[in-house]
Protein backbone atom coordinates (compact mmCIF):
# COMPACT_ATOMS: atom_id res chain seq x y z
CA GLU A 1 0.00 0.00 0.00
CA VAL A 2 1.28 3.46 -0.90
CA GLU A 3 0.05 7.02 -0.35
CA LEU A 4 0.78 10.26 -2.17
CA PRO A 5 0.68 12.81 0.67
CA SER A 6 0.57 15.86 -1.59
CA GLY A 7 -2.93 15.10 -2.84
CA ASP A 8 -1.69 15.13 -6.44
CA SER A 9 -3.24 12.86 -9.04
CA LEU A 10 -2.27 9.21 -8.73
CA LYS A 11 -2.98 8.41 -12.35
CA PRO A 12 0.35 9.21 -14.09
CA THR A 13 2.52 7.37 -11.57
CA ALA A 14 0.03 4.53 -11.20
CA SER A 15 0.01 4.02 -14.96
CA HIS A 16 3.83 4.00 -15.08
CA THR A 17 4.03 1.61 -12.10
CA ASN A 18 1.54 -0.69 -13.78
CA ASP A 19 3.74 -0.74 -16.89
CA LEU A 20 6.84 -1.51 -14.79
CA ILE A 21 5.33 -4.50 -13.00
CA GLY A 22 3.63 -5.81 -16.13
CA GLU A 23 2.11 -9.26 -15.71
CA ARG A 24 3.73 -9.72 -12.29
CA GLY A 25 1.01 -7.73 -10.53
CA PHE A 26 -1.67 -5.07 -10.65
CA LEU A 27 -2.79 -1.96 -8.80
CA LYS A 28 -6.09 -1.63 -6.99
CA TYR A 29 -8.11 0.80 -4.94
CA ASP A 30 -7.98 0.35 -1.15
CA GLY A 31 -10.59 2.09 0.98
CA SER A 32 -8.23 2.45 3.95
CA LEU A 33 -5.97 4.79 1.96
CA ASP A 34 -6.51 8.55 1.66
CA ASN A 35 -4.75 9.15 -1.68
CA GLY A 36 -3.06 5.94 -2.74
CA PHE A 37 -3.36 2.44 -4.07
CA GLU A 38 -2.40 -1.12 -3.29
CA LEU A 39 0.15 -2.94 -5.40
CA VAL A 40 -0.85 -6.61 -5.57
CA THR A 41 1.59 -9.14 -6.96
CA MET A 42 0.76 -12.38 -8.69
CA PRO A 43 1.95 -15.60 -7.00
CA HIS A 44 5.73 -15.98 -7.06
CA THR A 45 8.26 -18.36 -5.58
CA LEU A 46 10.92 -16.88 -3.32
CA GLU A 47 13.47 -17.31 -6.12
CA GLU A 48 11.25 -15.43 -8.60
CA TYR A 49 10.80 -12.55 -6.17
CA MET A 50 14.51 -12.31 -5.46
CA SER A 51 15.68 -12.52 -9.07
CA LYS A 52 12.88 -11.49 -11.44
CA PHE A 53 10.46 -9.12 -9.74
CA PRO A 54 10.86 -5.49 -10.94
CA PHE A 55 11.53 -3.89 -7.55
CA THR A 56 12.65 -0.73 -9.37
CA ALA A 57 8.94 0.15 -9.30
CA LEU A 58 9.26 0.77 -5.55
CA ASP A 59 12.24 3.09 -6.06
CA GLU A 60 10.31 5.04 -8.69
CA LEU A 61 7.26 5.36 -6.45
CA ARG A 62 9.43 6.76 -3.66
CA GLU A 63 11.15 9.18 -6.07
CA SER A 64 7.70 10.35 -7.25
CA GLY A 65 6.77 11.36 -3.70
CA PHE A 66 4.83 8.29 -2.61
CA ARG A 67 5.15 7.10 0.97
CA SER A 68 4.40 3.84 2.70
CA TRP A 69 6.51 3.62 5.88
CA ASP A 70 5.83 7.19 7.03
CA THR A 71 2.03 6.86 7.05
CA ASP A 72 -0.66 5.75 9.45
CA THR A 73 -2.59 3.97 6.70
CA CYS A 74 -0.18 1.72 4.78
CA GLY A 75 0.58 -1.88 5.55
CA PHE A 76 2.31 -4.69 3.72
CA HIS A 77 0.45 -8.00 3.48
CA ILE A 78 1.88 -11.29 2.32
CA HIS A 79 -0.37 -14.12 1.16
CA VAL A 80 0.83 -17.72 1.35
CA SER A 81 -1.05 -20.33 -0.63
CA ARG A 82 -2.84 -22.90 1.51
CA ALA A 83 -1.47 -25.51 -0.91
CA THR A 84 1.99 -24.75 0.52
CA PHE A 85 1.03 -26.09 3.93
CA GLY A 86 1.33 -29.76 4.66
CA MET A 87 3.52 -30.56 1.66
CA ARG A 88 6.66 -32.62 2.04
CA LEU A 89 9.04 -33.52 -0.76
CA LYS A 90 7.52 -36.97 -1.17
CA ASP A 91 3.89 -35.74 -1.01
CA THR A 92 1.72 -35.43 -4.06
CA GLN A 93 -1.35 -34.39 -2.05
CA PRO A 94 -1.19 -33.45 1.62
CA THR A 95 -3.88 -34.68 3.96
CA GLN A 96 -6.13 -32.07 5.56
CA GLY A 97 -4.78 -33.04 8.98
CA ARG A 98 -1.21 -32.41 7.86
CA LYS A 99 -2.22 -29.05 6.33
CA ASP A 100 -3.98 -27.98 9.53
CA ALA A 101 -1.02 -29.06 11.67
CA HIS A 102 1.42 -27.06 9.53
CA MET A 103 -0.84 -23.97 9.50
CA LEU A 104 -1.13 -24.23 13.29
CA ARG A 105 2.67 -24.49 13.75
CA PHE A 106 3.18 -21.52 11.38
CA THR A 107 0.56 -19.36 13.08
CA LYS A 108 1.72 -20.36 16.56
CA LEU A 109 5.32 -19.41 15.79
CA ILE A 110 4.20 -15.92 14.75
CA TYR A 111 1.78 -15.43 17.66
CA ASP A 112 4.07 -16.90 20.33
CA ASN A 113 6.85 -14.56 19.23
CA ARG A 114 4.75 -11.48 18.66
CA ARG A 115 7.19 -9.08 20.34
CA GLN A 116 10.01 -10.15 18.02
CA VAL A 117 7.68 -10.34 14.99
CA LYS A 118 6.49 -6.78 15.62
CA ARG A 119 10.11 -5.61 15.68
CA ILE A 120 10.80 -7.33 12.35
CA ALA A 121 7.50 -6.06 10.92
CA GLY A 122 8.14 -2.45 11.95
CA ARG A 123 4.63 -1.91 13.27
CA SER A 124 2.40 -2.73 16.16
CA SER A 125 -1.18 -2.27 15.02
CA ASP A 126 -4.00 -4.00 16.83
CA ARG A 127 -6.39 -2.24 14.46
CA TRP A 128 -5.00 -3.79 11.24
CA ALA A 129 -3.13 -6.85 12.57
CA SER A 130 -4.40 -8.05 15.92
CA PHE A 131 -2.78 -10.78 17.98
CA ASP A 132 -6.03 -11.31 19.96
CA ASP A 133 -6.25 -14.99 18.95
CA VAL A 134 -3.39 -15.96 21.29
CA GLY A 135 -4.49 -18.99 23.31
CA ARG A 136 -7.16 -19.91 20.74
CA LEU A 137 -5.04 -20.80 17.73
CA THR A 138 -6.16 -24.44 17.48
CA GLU A 139 -9.79 -23.31 17.44
CA LYS A 140 -8.91 -20.60 14.92
CA ILE A 141 -7.39 -23.11 12.48
CA LYS A 142 -10.14 -25.72 12.97
CA THR A 143 -13.17 -23.43 12.86
CA GLY A 144 -11.93 -20.36 10.99
CA HIS A 145 -13.16 -18.08 13.80
CA GLN A 146 -10.91 -15.06 14.39
CA ALA A 147 -11.34 -12.57 17.22
CA ASN A 148 -10.94 -9.55 14.92
CA GLY A 149 -12.09 -11.04 11.64
CA ARG A 150 -9.72 -10.43 8.75
CA TYR A 151 -7.79 -7.87 10.80
CA SER A 152 -5.80 -10.63 12.51
CA ALA A 153 -2.01 -10.84 12.44
CA VAL A 154 -2.44 -14.06 10.46
CA ASN A 155 -5.74 -13.81 8.63
CA ILE A 156 -7.16 -17.22 7.70
CA SER A 157 -10.47 -16.06 6.22
CA SER A 158 -9.47 -16.66 2.59
CA LYS A 159 -10.14 -20.13 1.18
CA ARG A 160 -6.91 -20.09 -0.85
CA THR A 161 -4.34 -18.26 1.27
CA LEU A 162 -3.17 -17.27 4.72
CA GLU A 163 -2.56 -13.52 4.85
CA ILE A 164 0.21 -12.22 7.09
CA ARG A 165 -0.83 -8.63 7.93
CA VAL A 166 1.78 -7.61 10.52
CA PHE A 167 4.16 -5.61 8.32
CA LYS A 168 4.46 -1.86 8.09
CA GLY A 169 4.26 -0.55 4.54
CA SER A 170 7.59 0.07 2.86
CA LEU A 171 9.11 1.19 -0.42
CA ASN A 172 12.57 0.10 0.72
CA VAL A 173 13.52 -2.85 -1.51
CA ARG A 174 15.80 -4.47 1.09
CA ARG A 175 13.05 -4.31 3.73
CA VAL A 176 10.39 -5.69 1.35
CA LYS A 177 12.67 -8.58 0.39
CA ALA A 178 13.33 -9.22 4.09
CA TYR A 179 9.56 -9.39 4.75
CA ILE A 180 9.17 -11.97 1.99
CA GLN A 181 12.18 -13.96 3.18
CA PHE A 182 10.90 -13.91 6.77
CA VAL A 183 7.54 -15.39 5.77
CA HIS A 184 9.16 -17.97 3.51
CA SER A 185 11.58 -19.01 6.26
CA THR A 186 8.76 -19.27 8.79
CA VAL A 187 6.76 -21.53 6.47
CA GLU A 188 9.78 -23.75 5.88
CA TYR A 189 10.83 -23.83 9.55
CA THR A 190 7.37 -25.00 10.62
CA ARG A 191 7.01 -27.58 7.85
CA GLU A 192 8.16 -30.59 9.94
C-alpha cells in the first residue's frame, strides 16, 4: 500500500508503475488509503521474487513522492497459498490433517513470538493486525473463527491463502525482500 501525501493525481505514476510491474502484478483501490493504491503481486516463488520481480517500481514510487513507511494507513500484506502447507518432498497431495497441523505451527510461531515479529515487521497495530487470537489458535485453524475477523495478524479467512498482515508498509527494496524472506523461512521452519 502506498500514499501520495501531496494530494496530487495518482494516475500518471500509477500508470507508469503498472507498466513496470507488467504481468507480475496489478494496482487496486484500497478504501483504507486517503490518496493511494495497493500494489498486488501475482503468485511468485521466493526465487522469482529475489531474481525477477521489478523492484525498481518501488524506487520510482518513492522518487515520485509516494510514501508507505511514514504513514498511518499503509501496511504490507503477504499471502501464502494454503497448498503450501502440509507438503513434504515426497507428497503429491497433503492430507487435511497435515495441512492444519502445519498452519497451526506456522501461526503459533508468529503469535508466540509477537514481540520479536512486531520488531521485524516495523509496526504494532491492533487495528489492522491483531494478535487477539493468542491462546485460541487451534480453534482458529479448525473453525476459521478469528477474534478480529480479517484484521488478525495471520488472517485465515481466505479459502486459498493465509494472509500475514503484521508488516508496516515500505518502499525500501531491502526491507520488502526481508519481509518476503521472513515469511518464507517461517513456512519452511514450521514444515516438519
